Protein backbone atom coordinates (compact mmCIF):
# COMPACT_ATOMS: atom_id res chain seq x y z
CA MET A 1 -15.71 4.85 7.26
CA ARG A 2 -16.81 1.23 6.95
CA ARG A 3 -15.26 0.89 3.50
CA TRP A 4 -12.00 2.34 4.79
CA LEU A 5 -11.99 -0.11 7.70
CA ARG A 6 -12.86 -2.94 5.31
CA PHE A 7 -9.60 -2.06 3.56
CA ALA A 8 -7.50 -1.09 6.59
CA VAL A 9 -7.94 -4.30 8.57
CA PRO A 10 -7.09 -6.69 5.70
CA ALA A 11 -4.25 -4.35 4.68
CA LEU A 12 -2.75 -4.57 8.15
CA VAL A 13 -3.16 -8.36 8.20
CA LEU A 14 -1.69 -8.73 4.69
CA THR A 15 1.27 -6.51 5.54
CA ALA A 16 1.98 -8.41 8.76
CA ALA A 17 1.61 -11.75 6.96
CA LEU A 18 4.00 -10.78 4.17
CA VAL A 19 6.58 -9.40 6.59
CA GLY A 20 6.21 -12.56 8.69
CA LEU A 21 6.62 -14.71 5.60
CA TRP A 22 9.85 -12.95 4.57
CA TRP A 23 11.23 -12.58 8.13
CA PRO A 24 13.01 -15.97 8.46
CA TRP A 25 14.80 -15.52 5.13
CA VAL A 26 16.68 -12.33 6.01
CA ASP A 27 19.23 -11.24 8.58
CA GLY A 28 19.18 -8.26 10.95
CA GLU A 29 19.75 -5.63 8.25
CA GLY A 30 17.11 -7.25 6.04
CA ARG A 31 14.64 -7.39 8.92
CA ARG A 32 15.07 -3.69 9.53
CA GLY A 33 14.50 -3.23 5.80
CA LEU A 34 11.24 -5.19 6.01
CA LEU A 35 10.05 -2.97 8.83
CA VAL A 36 11.02 0.17 6.91
CA ALA A 37 9.15 -1.10 3.84
CA ALA A 38 6.04 -1.96 5.86
CA GLY A 39 6.24 1.37 7.67
CA ALA A 40 6.29 3.20 4.36
CA ALA A 41 3.78 1.13 2.36
CA LEU A 42 0.93 0.67 4.84
CA PRO A 43 0.36 4.30 5.93
CA LEU A 44 0.70 5.48 2.34
CA HIS A 45 -1.97 3.05 1.13
CA LEU A 46 -4.30 3.77 4.04
CA ALA A 47 -4.13 7.51 3.39
CA ALA A 48 -4.46 7.19 -0.39
CA PHE A 49 -7.46 4.88 -0.05
CA GLY A 50 -9.14 7.22 2.41
CA ILE A 51 -8.78 10.14 0.03
CA LEU A 52 -9.92 8.02 -2.91
CA LEU A 53 -13.15 7.10 -1.11
CA ARG A 54 -14.14 10.76 -0.93
CA HIS A 55 -14.55 10.98 -4.69
CA GLU A 56 -17.16 9.56 -7.04
CA PRO A 57 -15.66 6.80 -9.23
CA GLY A 58 -15.44 7.97 -12.81
CA SER A 59 -15.26 11.63 -11.86
CA THR A 60 -12.36 13.91 -12.63
CA GLY A 61 -11.56 14.18 -8.93
CA PHE A 62 -11.43 10.40 -8.60
CA LEU A 63 -9.04 10.14 -11.53
CA ALA A 64 -6.87 12.94 -10.16
CA VAL A 65 -6.67 11.31 -6.74
CA TRP A 66 -5.94 7.92 -8.28
CA ALA A 67 -3.15 9.40 -10.43
CA GLY A 68 -1.83 11.32 -7.44
CA GLY A 69 -1.76 8.13 -5.36
CA THR A 70 0.16 6.38 -8.11
CA LEU A 71 2.66 9.23 -8.20
CA LEU A 72 3.00 9.14 -4.40
CA ARG A 73 3.78 5.42 -4.53
CA MET A 74 6.52 6.02 -7.10
CA LEU A 75 7.91 8.90 -5.06
CA ALA A 76 7.85 6.72 -1.94
CA VAL A 77 10.00 4.10 -3.65
CA GLY A 78 12.47 6.80 -4.73
CA LEU A 79 12.50 8.44 -1.31
CA VAL A 80 12.99 5.17 0.55
CA ALA A 81 15.72 4.19 -1.92
CA GLY A 82 17.49 7.48 -1.32
CA VAL A 83 17.28 7.10 2.45
CA VAL A 84 18.35 3.46 2.77
CA TRP A 85 20.96 3.40 0.01
CA PHE A 86 23.60 5.06 2.16
CA ARG A 87 22.68 3.44 5.47
CA GLU A 88 24.69 0.49 6.68
CA ASP A 89 22.10 -0.75 9.19
CA VAL A 90 19.40 -1.42 6.55
CA ASP A 91 19.73 -3.70 3.53
CA PRO A 92 18.63 -1.57 0.53
CA LEU A 93 17.87 -4.51 -1.75
CA THR A 94 15.61 -6.24 0.76
CA THR A 95 13.94 -2.95 1.62
CA LEU A 96 13.16 -2.01 -1.97
CA LEU A 97 12.03 -5.49 -2.98
CA ALA A 98 9.78 -5.71 0.06
CA LEU A 99 8.45 -2.20 -0.56
CA ALA A 100 7.62 -3.01 -4.18
CA GLY A 101 5.98 -6.29 -3.16
CA LEU A 102 3.92 -4.63 -0.46
CA LEU A 103 2.85 -1.76 -2.71
CA VAL A 104 1.65 -4.13 -5.42
CA SER A 105 -0.07 -6.46 -2.95
CA LEU A 106 -1.83 -3.58 -1.22
CA LEU A 107 -2.83 -2.11 -4.58
CA PHE A 108 -4.61 -5.36 -5.49
CA LEU A 109 -6.29 -5.31 -2.09
CA GLU A 110 -7.31 -1.69 -2.70
CA ILE A 111 -8.94 -2.64 -6.01
CA TRP A 112 -10.80 -5.47 -4.27
CA ALA A 113 -11.97 -3.12 -1.51
CA MET A 114 -13.28 -0.60 -4.04
CA GLN A 115 -15.27 -3.31 -5.82
CA ALA A 116 -16.54 -4.99 -2.67
CA GLY A 117 -18.07 -1.88 -1.10
CA GLU A 118 -21.66 -2.14 0.14
CA ASP A 119 -22.22 1.59 0.35
CA GLY A 120 -21.36 3.92 -2.45
CA PRO A 121 -21.35 3.73 -6.23
CA MET A 122 -19.18 0.62 -6.53
CA ASN A 123 -21.44 -1.70 -4.55
CA GLY A 124 -21.43 -4.60 -6.98
CA SER A 125 -24.94 -3.95 -8.30
CA GLU A 126 -23.61 -1.92 -11.22
CA GLN A 127 -21.03 -4.44 -12.32
CA ARG A 128 -21.69 -6.43 -15.48
């Protein structure tokens, strides 16, 4: 639980910071797109990371969950694109660019959180 929280809190802060950074540069439709992107990226990463923590790194289950999380991220981009493409109240370009940026940023944070864990196999003592 601590490792998940050590990811969840910075993930929430990073997501809010990135949305806040982009906020002044877009209009009303773009702002709604930022919120849609954040609303899709953050819960997806929190859930994927929680499931990933339940598996031993290097195991088949870990690899399967990691690959499944990657597939879910790609499906999320496609699903969000399909939903916002035909809506007039959300800017699709801003939404998809923000979603891609958030997914990549949160993925780097996820890698950091896996390496920075105090409990569990990836506690830093086994790194070379």
